[in-house]
Amino acid sequence: MVMKKIAFSLLIIILITNLTEAQLPKPRRFAPSSSAPELWKLRRYELTGGIGITQFFGDIGGYSIGKNALGFRDFSFMHTRYNFTAALSYRIVSPFAVRLNLSAGTFHATDSRGSNEMRAFESKTSFFEPSLLGEYYFIKSKGESSYIFQKGKRVVLLPLLSTLNLYGFTGIGGIAYRVNFTSPMPLTGTTRESGFAPIVPVGIGVSMAYSGKTNFGLELTGKYAFSDYLDGYTSNFSKANDVYYFLTFTFSYKLPTTYEGMPSFRFR
């Protein structure tokens, strides 16, 4: 009789314990499982701002082809100026995103170093450049699969290499430009003080996930312009259009995605 009472009491305790546990909230998982949602879908949109330098290669300045192996001698601090960038990107699938990119800045071209120092041409160009890009991620940050990281914990919770993204991008765009000659107008060749030209950008970027919401990064972009007048001048001997490069430091913030699939600008 006593054993029956003990067994009955244990059964009651077990039932009460199981019922109590069922009423408690489930603890949050700190690692994904096969049934866990893809966390990147919670923040498909990303706002990016950047500042960097430009390097321009046109008909003013630079060395002749025979004096310039692979073009390395044309890189010059005299041709370095600045650019500002703002962008909004959208992740379609985990490794692929599209980005609307807006950039503005200046170029500088001068004959003070190169094969035409006696010519002494010089110009400054202001530009505005919109473009539509596709991004492909070769390496994705492991932080995207971490619940702890996505909750805002800092980079110290993950090894540094696990927070890195490596991606390439290309697309189409255009550049609107206005040129100011700071030397006497050239007597040979042709000039143009403003215009618009299509461009094809190609680049590579690396970024570090500082948290589940913010990234810091660096991008190198080469741009081919369907124009030979970005520096305002085309030589009679020119055989190629203008090319320029951006090296840009970036900061990005991932926006929450609403149930309707739209970005939420409530920063949280």
Protein backbone atom coordinates (compact mmCIF):
# COMPACT_ATOMS: atom_id res chain seq x y z
CA MET A 1 0.00 0.00 0.00
CA VAL A 2 2.82 2.37 0.87
CA MET A 3 4.61 1.59 -2.40
CA LYS A 4 1.44 2.36 -4.34
CA LYS A 5 1.17 5.73 -2.61
CA ILE A 6 4.81 6.55 -3.38
CA ALA A 7 4.41 5.52 -7.04
CA PHE A 8 1.23 7.53 -7.33
CA SER A 9 2.93 10.60 -5.78
CA LEU A 10 5.91 10.33 -8.18
CA LEU A 11 3.53 10.08 -11.14
CA ILE A 12 1.71 13.24 -10.00
CA ILE A 13 5.05 15.10 -9.59
CA ILE A 14 6.22 14.05 -13.07
CA LEU A 15 2.96 15.15 -14.68
CA ILE A 16 3.05 18.53 -12.91
CA THR A 17 6.72 19.05 -13.91
CA ASN A 18 6.05 18.26 -17.57
CA LEU A 19 3.00 20.51 -17.60
CA THR A 20 4.99 23.38 -16.06
CA GLU A 21 7.84 23.01 -18.55
CA ALA A 22 5.38 23.03 -21.44
CA GLN A 23 4.06 26.40 -20.29
CA LEU A 24 7.52 28.02 -20.09
CA PRO A 25 8.90 29.92 -23.15
CA LYS A 26 11.39 28.03 -25.27
CA PRO A 27 15.00 29.22 -24.87
CA ARG A 28 16.50 30.96 -27.93
CA ARG A 29 18.84 28.90 -30.04
CA PHE A 30 22.32 30.32 -30.40
CA ALA A 31 23.16 28.26 -33.47
CA PRO A 32 21.09 27.50 -36.55
CA SER A 33 19.40 24.17 -37.06
CA SER A 34 17.87 22.53 -40.10
CA SER A 35 14.51 24.04 -39.11
CA ALA A 36 15.87 27.53 -38.30
CA PRO A 37 14.93 30.36 -40.68
CA GLU A 38 17.64 31.89 -42.87
CA LEU A 39 18.61 34.86 -40.72
CA TRP A 40 19.83 37.02 -43.62
CA LYS A 41 16.24 37.28 -44.86
CA LEU A 42 15.40 39.37 -41.79
CA ARG A 43 17.67 42.16 -43.13
CA ARG A 44 17.69 42.01 -46.93
CA TYR A 45 18.26 45.76 -47.42
CA GLU A 46 21.54 47.52 -46.75
CA LEU A 47 22.36 51.25 -46.68
CA THR A 48 25.97 52.13 -47.49
CA GLY A 49 28.00 55.31 -47.33
CA GLY A 50 31.58 55.68 -48.45
CA ILE A 51 34.47 58.07 -49.00
CA GLY A 52 37.59 57.43 -51.02
CA ILE A 53 40.01 58.49 -53.71
CA THR A 54 39.89 58.59 -57.50
CA GLN A 55 42.68 57.91 -59.99
CA PHE A 56 42.08 59.06 -63.56
CA PHE A 57 43.72 57.91 -66.82
CA GLY A 58 42.99 60.12 -69.82
CA ASP A 59 44.75 62.02 -72.58
CA ILE A 60 46.24 64.63 -70.25
CA GLY A 61 49.20 63.31 -68.29
CA GLY A 62 50.75 59.85 -68.29
CA TYR A 63 53.53 58.21 -70.20
CA SER A 64 53.67 56.93 -73.76
CA ILE A 65 52.95 53.24 -74.23
CA GLY A 66 56.57 52.38 -75.02
CA LYS A 67 57.75 54.07 -71.80
CA ASN A 68 55.07 52.59 -69.56
CA ALA A 69 55.14 48.84 -68.93
CA LEU A 70 51.61 47.66 -68.07
CA GLY A 71 50.59 51.24 -67.26
CA PHE A 72 52.02 51.24 -63.73
CA ARG A 73 53.95 54.50 -64.24
CA ASP A 74 50.68 56.36 -64.82
CA PHE A 75 49.63 55.98 -61.18
CA SER A 76 50.35 59.36 -59.64
CA PHE A 77 49.40 61.27 -56.49
CA MET A 78 49.04 64.32 -58.75
CA HIS A 79 46.02 62.64 -60.39
CA THR A 80 44.45 61.57 -57.09
CA ARG A 81 41.26 63.28 -55.95
CA TYR A 82 38.20 62.22 -53.90
CA ASN A 83 34.82 60.55 -54.25
CA PHE A 84 31.71 60.18 -52.08
CA THR A 85 29.34 57.23 -52.43
CA ALA A 86 25.83 56.33 -51.22
CA ALA A 87 24.08 53.05 -52.04
CA LEU A 88 21.06 50.89 -51.31
CA SER A 89 21.34 47.14 -51.92
CA TYR A 90 18.89 44.26 -51.79
CA ARG A 91 19.79 40.61 -51.21
CA ILE A 92 17.86 38.42 -53.67
CA VAL A 93 19.42 35.15 -52.54
CA SER A 94 22.12 34.55 -49.96
CA PRO A 95 25.17 35.02 -52.25
CA PHE A 96 23.69 37.56 -54.69
CA ALA A 97 22.49 41.16 -54.29
CA VAL A 98 21.61 44.13 -56.49
CA ARG A 99 22.76 47.63 -55.63
CA LEU A 100 21.74 51.15 -56.67
CA ASN A 101 24.91 53.22 -56.40
CA LEU A 102 25.35 57.01 -56.49
CA SER A 103 28.81 58.59 -56.53
CA ALA A 104 30.15 62.11 -56.89
CA GLY A 105 33.60 63.64 -56.78
CA THR A 106 36.43 65.08 -58.87
CA PHE A 107 39.22 64.03 -61.23
CA HIS A 108 42.51 65.79 -61.86
CA ALA A 109 44.68 65.48 -64.97
CA THR A 110 48.02 67.20 -65.52
CA ASP A 111 51.00 66.97 -67.85
CA SER A 112 53.41 67.98 -65.08
CA ARG A 113 54.55 64.35 -64.83
CA GLY A 114 54.78 62.13 -67.89
CA SER A 115 55.73 62.15 -71.54
CA ASN A 116 54.16 65.55 -72.36
CA GLU A 117 55.54 67.91 -69.71
CA MET A 118 56.33 70.57 -72.34
CA ARG A 119 52.66 70.59 -73.39
CA ALA A 120 51.63 71.63 -69.86
CA PHE A 121 47.89 70.88 -70.09
CA GLU A 122 45.87 70.61 -66.89
CA SER A 123 42.17 70.11 -66.10
CA LYS A 124 39.82 69.41 -63.20
CA THR A 125 36.59 67.46 -63.64
CA SER A 126 33.53 67.34 -61.38
CA PHE A 127 31.26 64.35 -61.87
CA PHE A 128 28.07 62.61 -60.77
CA GLU A 129 27.79 58.89 -61.42
CA PRO A 130 24.69 56.67 -60.97
CA SER A 131 25.01 52.92 -61.55
CA LEU A 132 23.13 49.65 -61.09
CA LEU A 133 25.32 46.79 -59.89
CA GLY A 134 25.09 43.08 -59.24
CA GLU A 135 27.13 41.69 -56.32
CA TYR A 136 28.24 38.08 -55.86
CA TYR A 137 29.65 36.94 -52.51
CA PHE A 138 32.46 34.41 -52.77
CA ILE A 139 32.86 34.33 -48.98
CA LYS A 140 30.10 35.19 -46.50
CA SER A 141 30.49 36.15 -42.86
CA LYS A 142 29.71 33.33 -40.43
CA GLY A 143 27.95 35.92 -38.30
CA GLU A 144 24.89 35.64 -40.54
CA SER A 145 24.27 32.17 -39.10
CA SER A 146 24.72 33.16 -35.46
CA TYR A 147 21.72 34.14 -33.35
CA ILE A 148 24.01 35.74 -30.77
CA PHE A 149 25.73 37.86 -33.42
CA GLN A 150 22.45 38.89 -35.01
CA LYS A 151 21.21 40.07 -31.61
CA GLY A 152 23.86 42.79 -31.68
CA LYS A 153 26.79 41.19 -29.90
CA ARG A 154 30.14 42.49 -31.08
CA VAL A 155 32.86 40.97 -33.21
CA VAL A 156 34.76 39.56 -30.20
CA LEU A 157 32.35 36.61 -30.19
CA LEU A 158 33.63 35.38 -33.55
CA PRO A 159 37.15 34.82 -34.90
CA LEU A 160 38.14 37.79 -37.05
CA LEU A 161 38.36 35.80 -40.30
CA SER A 162 34.85 34.45 -39.71
CA THR A 163 33.43 37.98 -39.92
CA LEU A 164 34.81 38.77 -43.39
CA ASN A 165 32.84 39.04 -46.64
CA LEU A 166 34.57 38.85 -50.03
CA TYR A 167 32.58 39.82 -53.11
CA GLY A 168 32.85 40.94 -56.70
CA PHE A 169 30.52 43.25 -58.62
CA THR A 170 29.79 44.68 -62.03
CA GLY A 171 26.96 46.42 -63.85
CA ILE A 172 26.12 49.45 -65.94
CA GLY A 173 25.97 53.15 -65.24
CA GLY A 174 26.63 56.63 -66.52
CA ILE A 175 28.76 59.63 -65.68
CA ALA A 176 27.76 63.29 -66.02
CA TYR A 177 30.84 65.52 -65.99
CA ARG A 178 31.92 69.15 -66.19
CA VAL A 179 35.51 70.15 -66.95
CA ASN A 180 37.45 73.22 -65.87
CA PHE A 181 40.72 73.87 -67.71
CA THR A 182 43.34 75.36 -65.39
CA SER A 183 45.86 75.88 -68.21
CA PRO A 184 45.57 77.56 -71.62
CA MET A 185 43.20 75.69 -73.96
CA PRO A 186 45.01 73.10 -76.14
CA LEU A 187 45.79 74.18 -79.69
CA THR A 188 45.75 70.61 -81.01
CA GLY A 189 43.23 67.84 -80.58
CA THR A 190 39.60 68.47 -79.59
CA THR A 191 38.01 69.66 -76.35
CA ARG A 192 34.65 69.30 -74.61
CA GLU A 193 33.71 71.00 -71.35
CA SER A 194 30.74 68.83 -70.28
CA GLY A 195 28.78 65.76 -71.22
CA PHE A 196 27.35 62.39 -70.24
CA ALA A 197 28.74 58.95 -71.07
CA PRO A 198 27.84 55.32 -70.31
CA ILE A 199 30.26 53.40 -68.09
CA VAL A 200 30.95 49.77 -67.16
CA PRO A 201 32.21 49.32 -63.59
CA VAL A 202 33.98 46.16 -62.38
CA GLY A 203 35.26 45.75 -58.86
CA ILE A 204 36.06 43.69 -55.80
CA GLY A 205 35.28 44.38 -52.17
CA VAL A 206 35.98 43.08 -48.69
CA SER A 207 33.98 43.94 -45.59
CA MET A 208 34.04 43.02 -41.92
CA ALA A 209 30.80 42.35 -40.04
CA TYR A 210 31.21 44.45 -36.90
CA SER A 211 27.79 43.33 -35.68
CA GLY A 212 24.65 41.75 -37.11
CA LYS A 213 23.64 45.19 -38.38
CA THR A 214 26.83 47.03 -39.35
CA ASN A 215 29.79 46.39 -41.67
CA PHE A 216 33.04 48.21 -42.42
CA GLY A 217 34.69 47.63 -45.78
CA LEU A 218 36.98 48.57 -48.66
CA GLU A 219 36.18 48.48 -52.39
CA LEU A 220 38.41 48.80 -55.46
CA THR A 221 36.51 49.61 -58.66
CA GLY A 222 37.75 50.07 -62.21
CA LYS A 223 35.46 51.94 -64.61
CA TYR A 224 35.54 52.03 -68.40
CA ALA A 225 33.89 55.10 -69.93
CA PHE A 226 32.44 55.18 -73.45
CA SER A 227 34.00 58.61 -73.89
CA ASP A 228 37.45 60.08 -74.35
CA TYR A 229 36.51 63.51 -72.97
CA LEU A 230 36.27 63.08 -69.19
CA ASP A 231 39.36 65.27 -68.83
CA GLY A 232 37.93 67.62 -71.49
CA TYR A 233 40.52 66.76 -74.12
CA THR A 234 41.16 64.14 -76.80
CA SER A 235 44.53 63.98 -78.53
CA ASN A 236 44.80 63.46 -82.27
CA PHE A 237 46.79 60.31 -81.42
CA SER A 238 44.33 58.86 -78.90
CA LYS A 239 43.30 55.24 -79.51
CA ALA A 240 41.32 54.44 -76.35
CA ASN A 241 38.57 55.85 -74.16
CA ASP A 242 39.10 57.09 -70.62
CA VAL A 243 39.46 54.79 -67.61
CA TYR A 244 39.33 55.64 -63.91
CA TYR A 245 39.47 53.91 -60.53
CA PHE A 246 37.85 54.31 -57.12
CA LEU A 247 39.32 53.10 -53.83
CA THR A 248 36.49 53.57 -51.32
CA PHE A 249 36.16 52.98 -47.58
CA THR A 250 32.59 51.99 -46.73
CA PHE A 251 30.23 51.76 -43.77
CA SER A 252 26.92 49.93 -44.11
CA TYR A 253 23.80 49.37 -42.01
CA LYS A 254 21.39 46.50 -42.61
CA LEU A 255 17.73 47.53 -42.51
CA PRO A 256 15.03 45.24 -41.09
CA THR A 257 12.71 43.68 -43.67
CA THR A 258 8.97 44.00 -43.02
CA TYR A 259 6.44 41.18 -43.49
CA GLU A 260 5.54 42.82 -46.82
CA GLY A 261 9.17 42.55 -47.97
CA MET A 262 9.85 46.31 -47.75
CA PRO A 263 12.70 48.00 -45.84
CA SER A 264 11.97 49.45 -42.41
CA PHE A 265 13.80 52.67 -41.57
CA ARG A 266 13.22 52.25 -37.85
CA PHE A 267 16.85 51.83 -36.79
CA ARG A 268 16.89 49.19 -34.10
